[in-house]
PDB file of N, CA and C in Angstrom:
ATOM      1  N   MET A   1     129.695  -3.649 -35.356  1.00  0.00           N
ATOM      2  CA  MET A   1     129.362  -4.577 -36.588  1.00  0.00           C
ATOM      3  C   MET A   1     128.292  -5.752 -36.202  1.00  0.00           C
ATOM      4  N   ILE A   2     127.598  -5.849 -37.254  1.00  0.00           N
ATOM      5  CA  ILE A   2     126.204  -6.494 -36.952  1.00  0.00           C
ATOM      6  C   ILE A   2     126.757  -7.924 -37.374  1.00  0.00           C
ATOM      7  N   THR A   3     126.481  -9.035 -36.805  1.00  0.00           N
ATOM      8  CA  THR A   3     127.023 -10.452 -37.189  1.00  0.00           C
ATOM      9  C   THR A   3     125.713 -11.369 -37.285  1.00  0.00           C
ATOM     10  N   CYS A   4     125.526 -12.458 -37.785  1.00  0.00           N
ATOM     11  CA  CYS A   4     124.507 -13.239 -37.980  1.00  0.00           C
ATOM     12  C   CYS A   4     125.117 -14.909 -37.177  1.00  0.00           C
ATOM     13  N   ASN A   5     125.844 -14.298 -36.175  1.00  0.00           N
ATOM     14  CA  ASN A   5     126.226 -15.642 -35.188  1.00  0.00           C
ATOM     15  C   ASN A   5     125.019 -16.063 -34.605  1.00  0.00           C
ATOM     16  N   GLY A   6     123.869 -15.419 -34.232  1.00  0.00           N
ATOM     17  CA  GLY A   6     122.616 -16.095 -33.483  1.00  0.00           C
ATOM     18  C   GLY A   6     122.057 -17.067 -34.723  1.00  0.00           C
ATOM     19  N   PHE A   7     122.310 -16.502 -35.955  1.00  0.00           N
ATOM     20  CA  PHE A   7     121.336 -17.725 -36.998  1.00  0.00           C
ATOM     21  C   PHE A   7     122.013 -18.776 -36.936  1.00  0.00           C
ATOM     22  N   ARG A   8     123.428 -18.801 -36.921  1.00  0.00           N
ATOM     23  CA  ARG A   8     124.137 -20.148 -36.955  1.00  0.00           C
ATOM     24  C   ARG A   8     123.599 -21.141 -35.626  1.00  0.00           C
ATOM     25  N   GLU A   9     123.696 -20.542 -34.495  1.00  0.00           N
ATOM     26  CA  GLU A   9     123.076 -21.390 -33.384  1.00  0.00           C
ATOM     27  C   GLU A   9     121.497 -21.583 -33.549  1.00  0.00           C
ATOM     28  N   GLN A  10     120.532 -20.508 -33.974  1.00  0.00           N
ATOM     29  CA  GLN A  10     119.437 -21.348 -34.168  1.00  0.00           C
ATOM     30  C   GLN A  10     119.136 -22.257 -35.192  1.00  0.00           C
ATOM     31  N   PHE A  11     119.847 -22.110 -36.252  1.00  0.00           N
ATOM     32  CA  PHE A  11     119.877 -23.259 -37.196  1.00  0.00           C
ATOM     33  C   PHE A  11     120.399 -24.558 -36.853  1.00  0.00           C
ATOM     34  N   PHE A  12     121.373 -24.570 -36.259  1.00  0.00           N
ATOM     35  CA  PHE A  12     122.045 -25.748 -35.702  1.00  0.00           C
ATOM     36  C   PHE A  12     121.143 -26.501 -34.244  1.00  0.00           C
ATOM     37  N   GLN A  13     120.273 -25.373 -33.620  1.00  0.00           N
ATOM     38  CA  GLN A  13     119.291 -26.025 -32.666  1.00  0.00           C
ATOM     39  C   GLN A  13     118.026 -26.530 -33.619  1.00  0.00           C
ATOM     40  N   ALA A  14     117.921 -26.179 -34.777  1.00  0.00           N
ATOM     41  CA  ALA A  14     116.550 -26.710 -35.349  1.00  0.00           C
ATOM     42  C   ALA A  14     116.897 -28.022 -35.926  1.00  0.00           C
ATOM     43  N   ARG A  15     118.057 -28.514 -35.717  1.00  0.00           N
ATOM     44  CA  ARG A  15     118.399 -29.844 -36.292  1.00  0.00           C
ATOM     45  C   ARG A  15     117.723 -30.312 -37.687  1.00  0.00           C
ATOM     46  N   THR A  16     118.106 -29.435 -38.608  1.00  0.00           N
ATOM     47  CA  THR A  16     117.641 -29.782 -40.034  1.00  0.00           C
ATOM     48  C   THR A  16     118.698 -29.716 -40.875  1.00  0.00           C
ATOM     49  N   THR A  17     118.514 -29.900 -42.310  1.00  0.00           N
ATOM     50  CA  THR A  17     119.620 -29.791 -43.232  1.00  0.00           C
ATOM     51  C   THR A  17     119.217 -28.518 -43.949  1.00  0.00           C
ATOM     52  N   GLN A  18     120.422 -28.156 -44.549  1.00  0.00           N
ATOM     53  CA  GLN A  18     120.419 -26.803 -45.214  1.00  0.00           C
ATOM     54  C   GLN A  18     119.521 -26.996 -46.512  1.00  0.00           C
ATOM     55  N   ILE A  19     119.139 -28.152 -47.079  1.00  0.00           N
ATOM     56  CA  ILE A  19     118.054 -27.891 -47.833  1.00  0.00           C
ATOM     57  C   ILE A  19     116.749 -27.900 -47.462  1.00  0.00           C
ATOM     58  N   ARG A  20     116.508 -28.869 -46.418  1.00  0.00           N
ATOM     59  CA  ARG A  20     115.143 -28.669 -45.928  1.00  0.00           C
ATOM     60  C   ARG A  20     114.960 -27.334 -45.381  1.00  0.00           C
ATOM     61  N   PHE A  21     115.813 -26.674 -44.593  1.00  0.00           N
ATOM     62  CA  PHE A  21     115.430 -25.272 -44.280  1.00  0.00           C
ATOM     63  C   PHE A  21     115.343 -24.355 -45.287  1.00  0.00           C
ATOM     64  N   ALA A  22     116.109 -24.655 -46.423  1.00  0.00           N
ATOM     65  CA  ALA A  22     115.938 -23.748 -47.511  1.00  0.00           C
ATOM     66  C   ALA A  22     114.479 -23.720 -48.125  1.00  0.00           C
ATOM     67  N   MET A  23     114.117 -25.097 -48.183  1.00  0.00           N
ATOM     68  CA  MET A  23     112.651 -25.116 -48.960  1.00  0.00           C
ATOM     69  C   MET A  23     111.575 -24.490 -47.799  1.00  0.00           C
ATOM     70  N   LEU A  24     111.955 -24.805 -46.364  1.00  0.00           N
ATOM     71  CA  LEU A  24     111.065 -24.082 -45.592  1.00  0.00           C
ATOM     72  C   LEU A  24     110.982 -22.633 -45.313  1.00  0.00           C
ATOM     73  N   SER A  25     112.090 -22.049 -45.524  1.00  0.00           N
ATOM     74  CA  SER A  25     112.277 -20.556 -45.539  1.00  0.00           C
ATOM     75  C   SER A  25     111.945 -19.764 -46.836  1.00  0.00           C
ATOM     76  N   GLY A  26     112.197 -20.556 -47.795  1.00  0.00           N
ATOM     77  CA  GLY A  26     111.994 -19.989 -49.472  1.00  0.00           C
ATOM     78  C   GLY A  26     113.323 -19.027 -49.691  1.00  0.00           C
ATOM     79  N   VAL A  27     114.518 -19.432 -49.173  1.00  0.00           N
ATOM     80  CA  VAL A  27     115.703 -18.739 -49.665  1.00  0.00           C
ATOM     81  C   VAL A  27     116.519 -20.051 -50.354  1.00  0.00           C
ATOM     82  N   HIS A  28     117.085 -19.521 -51.295  1.00  0.00           N
ATOM     83  CA  HIS A  28     117.969 -20.502 -51.794  1.00  0.00           C
ATOM     84  C   HIS A  28     119.093 -21.414 -51.148  1.00  0.00           C
ATOM     85  N   PRO A  29     119.288 -22.795 -51.393  1.00  0.00           N
ATOM     86  CA  PRO A  29     120.259 -23.282 -50.512  1.00  0.00           C
ATOM     87  C   PRO A  29     121.633 -22.786 -50.342  1.00  0.00           C
ATOM     88  N   SER A  30     122.135 -22.228 -51.613  1.00  0.00           N
ATOM     89  CA  SER A  30     123.321 -21.737 -51.808  1.00  0.00           C
ATOM     90  C   SER A  30     123.400 -20.474 -50.907  1.00  0.00           C
ATOM     91  N   ARG A  31     122.317 -19.572 -50.697  1.00  0.00           N
ATOM     92  CA  ARG A  31     122.324 -18.550 -49.869  1.00  0.00           C
ATOM     93  C   ARG A  31     122.147 -18.955 -48.210  1.00  0.00           C
ATOM     94  N   VAL A  32     121.561 -19.749 -48.096  1.00  0.00           N
ATOM     95  CA  VAL A  32     121.563 -20.249 -46.748  1.00  0.00           C
ATOM     96  C   VAL A  32     123.038 -21.013 -46.334  1.00  0.00           C
ATOM     97  N   SER A  33     123.728 -21.412 -47.141  1.00  0.00           N
ATOM     98  CA  SER A  33     125.246 -21.827 -46.787  1.00  0.00           C
ATOM     99  C   SER A  33     126.228 -20.716 -46.730  1.00  0.00           C
ATOM    100  N   LYS A  34     125.913 -19.665 -47.698  1.00  0.00           N
ATOM    101  CA  LYS A  34     126.771 -18.454 -47.548  1.00  0.00           C
ATOM    102  C   LYS A  34     126.679 -17.624 -46.521  1.00  0.00           C
ATOM    103  N   ILE A  35     125.201 -17.504 -45.840  1.00  0.00           N
ATOM    104  CA  ILE A  35     125.054 -16.926 -44.667  1.00  0.00           C
ATOM    105  C   ILE A  35     125.540 -17.674 -43.339  1.00  0.00           C
ATOM    106  N   LEU A  36     125.434 -18.911 -43.521  1.00  0.00           N
ATOM    107  CA  LEU A  36     125.999 -19.639 -42.244  1.00  0.00           C
ATOM    108  C   LEU A  36     127.562 -19.745 -42.270  1.00  0.00           C
ATOM    109  N   ASN A  37     128.098 -19.506 -43.422  1.00  0.00           N
ATOM    110  CA  ASN A  37     129.615 -19.192 -43.518  1.00  0.00           C
ATOM    111  C   ASN A  37     130.186 -17.515 -43.322  1.00  0.00           C
ATOM    112  N   GLY A  38     129.231 -16.904 -42.832  1.00  0.00           N
ATOM    113  CA  GLY A  38     129.509 -15.439 -42.800  1.00  0.00           C
ATOM    114  C   GLY A  38     129.265 -14.358 -43.489  1.00  0.00           C
ATOM    115  N   ASP A  39     128.356 -14.771 -44.521  1.00  0.00           N
ATOM    116  CA  ASP A  39     127.938 -13.911 -45.571  1.00  0.00           C
ATOM    117  C   ASP A  39     126.844 -12.963 -44.938  1.00  0.00           C
ATOM    118  N   VAL A  40     126.789 -11.586 -45.638  1.00  0.00           N
ATOM    119  CA  VAL A  40     125.590 -10.758 -45.262  1.00  0.00           C
ATOM    120  C   VAL A  40     124.343 -11.028 -45.355  1.00  0.00           C
ATOM    121  N   MET A  41     123.453 -10.922 -44.336  1.00  0.00           N
ATOM    122  CA  MET A  41     122.007 -11.422 -44.549  1.00  0.00           C
ATOM    123  C   MET A  41     121.046 -10.078 -44.942  1.00  0.00           C
ATOM    124  N   SER A  42     120.303 -10.341 -45.743  1.00  0.00           N
ATOM    125  CA  SER A  42     119.278  -9.127 -46.152  1.00  0.00           C
ATOM    126  C   SER A  42     118.305  -9.085 -45.463  1.00  0.00           C
ATOM    127  N   MET A  43     117.528  -7.970 -45.104  1.00  0.00           N
ATOM    128  CA  MET A  43     116.299  -7.912 -44.477  1.00  0.00           C
ATOM    129  C   MET A  43     115.206  -8.925 -44.824  1.00  0.00           C
ATOM    130  N   THR A  44     114.931  -9.015 -46.215  1.00  0.00           N
ATOM    131  CA  THR A  44     114.126 -10.178 -46.578  1.00  0.00           C
ATOM    132  C   THR A  44     114.366 -11.497 -46.052  1.00  0.00           C
ATOM    133  N   GLU A  45     115.660 -11.910 -46.271  1.00  0.00           N
ATOM    134  CA  GLU A  45     116.232 -13.094 -45.531  1.00  0.00           C
ATOM    135  C   GLU A  45     116.010 -13.129 -44.227  1.00  0.00           C
ATOM    136  N   LEU A  46     116.067 -12.270 -43.558  1.00  0.00           N
ATOM    137  CA  LEU A  46     116.076 -12.050 -42.083  1.00  0.00           C
ATOM    138  C   LEU A  46     114.619 -12.528 -41.670  1.00  0.00           C
ATOM    139  N   ASP A  47     113.624 -11.671 -42.315  1.00  0.00           N
ATOM    140  CA  ASP A  47     112.180 -12.019 -42.497  1.00  0.00           C
ATOM    141  C   ASP A  47     111.846 -13.411 -42.340  1.00  0.00           C
ATOM    142  N   LYS A  48     112.328 -14.084 -43.505  1.00  0.00           N
ATOM    143  CA  LYS A  48     112.049 -15.290 -43.959  1.00  0.00           C
ATOM    144  C   LYS A  48     112.522 -16.444 -42.737  1.00  0.00           C
ATOM    145  N   PHE A  49     113.857 -16.091 -42.415  1.00  0.00           N
ATOM    146  CA  PHE A  49     114.505 -17.331 -41.488  1.00  0.00           C
ATOM    147  C   PHE A  49     113.828 -17.064 -39.878  1.00  0.00           C
ATOM    148  N   CYS A  50     113.237 -15.601 -39.740  1.00  0.00           N
ATOM    149  CA  CYS A  50     112.503 -15.865 -38.495  1.00  0.00           C
ATOM    150  C   CYS A  50     111.056 -16.391 -38.449  1.00  0.00           C
ATOM    151  N   LYS A  51     110.533 -16.139 -39.719  1.00  0.00           N
ATOM    152  CA  LYS A  51     109.351 -17.047 -39.963  1.00  0.00           C
ATOM    153  C   LYS A  51     109.697 -18.440 -39.904  1.00  0.00           C
ATOM    154  N   ALA A  52     110.539 -19.016 -40.153  1.00  0.00           N
ATOM    155  CA  ALA A  52     110.858 -20.470 -40.667  1.00  0.00           C
ATOM    156  C   ALA A  52     111.256 -20.885 -39.121  1.00  0.00           C
ATOM    157  N   LEU A  53     112.067 -20.324 -38.497  1.00  0.00           N
ATOM    158  CA  LEU A  53     112.583 -20.748 -36.810  1.00  0.00           C
ATOM    159  C   LEU A  53     111.556 -20.314 -36.099  1.00  0.00           C
ATOM    160  N   LYS A  54     110.833 -19.501 -36.383  1.00  0.00           N
ATOM    161  CA  LYS A  54     109.471 -18.895 -35.157  1.00  0.00           C
ATOM    162  C   LYS A  54     110.594 -18.482 -34.182  1.00  0.00           C
ATOM    163  N   CYS A  55     111.181 -17.327 -34.515  1.00  0.00           N
ATOM    164  CA  CYS A  55     111.841 -16.549 -33.682  1.00  0.00           C
ATOM    165  C   CYS A  55     112.204 -14.798 -33.643  1.00  0.00           C
ATOM    166  N   GLN A  56     112.393 -14.118 -33.009  1.00  0.00           N
ATOM    167  CA  GLN A  56     112.643 -12.648 -33.296  1.00  0.00           C
ATOM    168  C   GLN A  56     113.966 -12.486 -33.990  1.00  0.00           C
ATOM    169  N   PRO A  57     114.175 -11.313 -34.831  1.00  0.00           N
ATOM    170  CA  PRO A  57     115.331 -10.790 -35.293  1.00  0.00           C
ATOM    171  C   PRO A  57     116.609 -10.837 -34.325  1.00  0.00           C
ATOM    172  N   GLY A  58     116.247 -10.355 -33.188  1.00  0.00           N
ATOM    173  CA  GLY A  58     117.319 -10.337 -32.160  1.00  0.00           C
ATOM    174  C   GLY A  58     118.017 -11.486 -31.791  1.00  0.00           C
ATOM    175  N   ASP A  59     117.268 -12.601 -32.123  1.00  0.00           N
ATOM    176  CA  ASP A  59     117.544 -13.876 -31.798  1.00  0.00           C
ATOM    177  C   ASP A  59     118.649 -14.327 -32.854  1.00  0.00           C
ATOM    178  N   LEU A  60     118.681 -13.752 -34.164  1.00  0.00           N
ATOM    179  CA  LEU A  60     119.291 -14.118 -35.199  1.00  0.00           C
ATOM    180  C   LEU A  60     120.837 -13.294 -35.453  1.00  0.00           C
ATOM    181  N   ILE A  61     120.526 -12.184 -35.177  1.00  0.00           N
ATOM    182  CA  ILE A  61     121.679 -11.108 -35.560  1.00  0.00           C
ATOM    183  C   ILE A  61     122.139 -10.631 -34.215  1.00  0.00           C
ATOM    184  N   GLU A  62     123.284 -10.084 -34.016  1.00  0.00           N
ATOM    185  CA  GLU A  62     123.950  -9.403 -32.861  1.00  0.00           C
ATOM    186  C   GLU A  62     124.669  -8.433 -33.232  1.00  0.00           C
ATOM    187  N   TRP A  63     124.832  -7.150 -32.472  1.00  0.00           N
ATOM    188  CA  TRP A  63     125.651  -6.136 -32.712  1.00  0.00           C
ATOM    189  C   TRP A  63     127.004  -6.581 -31.942  1.00  0.00           C
ATOM    190  N   GLU A  64     128.474  -6.293 -32.543  1.00  0.00           N
ATOM    191  CA  GLU A  64     129.469  -6.469 -31.638  1.00  0.00           C
ATOM    192  C   GLU A  64     130.310  -5.321 -32.108  1.00  0.00           C
ATOM    193  N   GLU A  65     131.134  -4.724 -31.056  1.00  0.00           N
ATOM    194  CA  GLU A  65     132.090  -3.654 -31.487  1.00  0.00           C
ATOM    195  C   GLU A  65     132.947  -4.062 -32.177  1.00  0.00           C
ATOM    196  N   ALA A  66     133.480  -3.439 -33.251  1.00  0.00           N
ATOM    197  CA  ALA A  66     134.762  -3.857 -34.097  1.00  0.00           C
ATOM    198  C   ALA A  66     135.794  -3.475 -33.367  1.00  0.00           C
TER     199      ALA A  66
END
């Protein structure tokens, strides 16, 4: 199963607010909140988050055996 745990870590290391990060990434603040709380991330959102955080997709998502 693919999880977004890495996104949570990278987001909190960036030391920003959800609103500021939403503006930086171009993703609606409610979607940022939902993803931080475990919702599924789309490929488009993954791309935008990688650009905003200046990281690779593997830094934001990880595979865990179910």
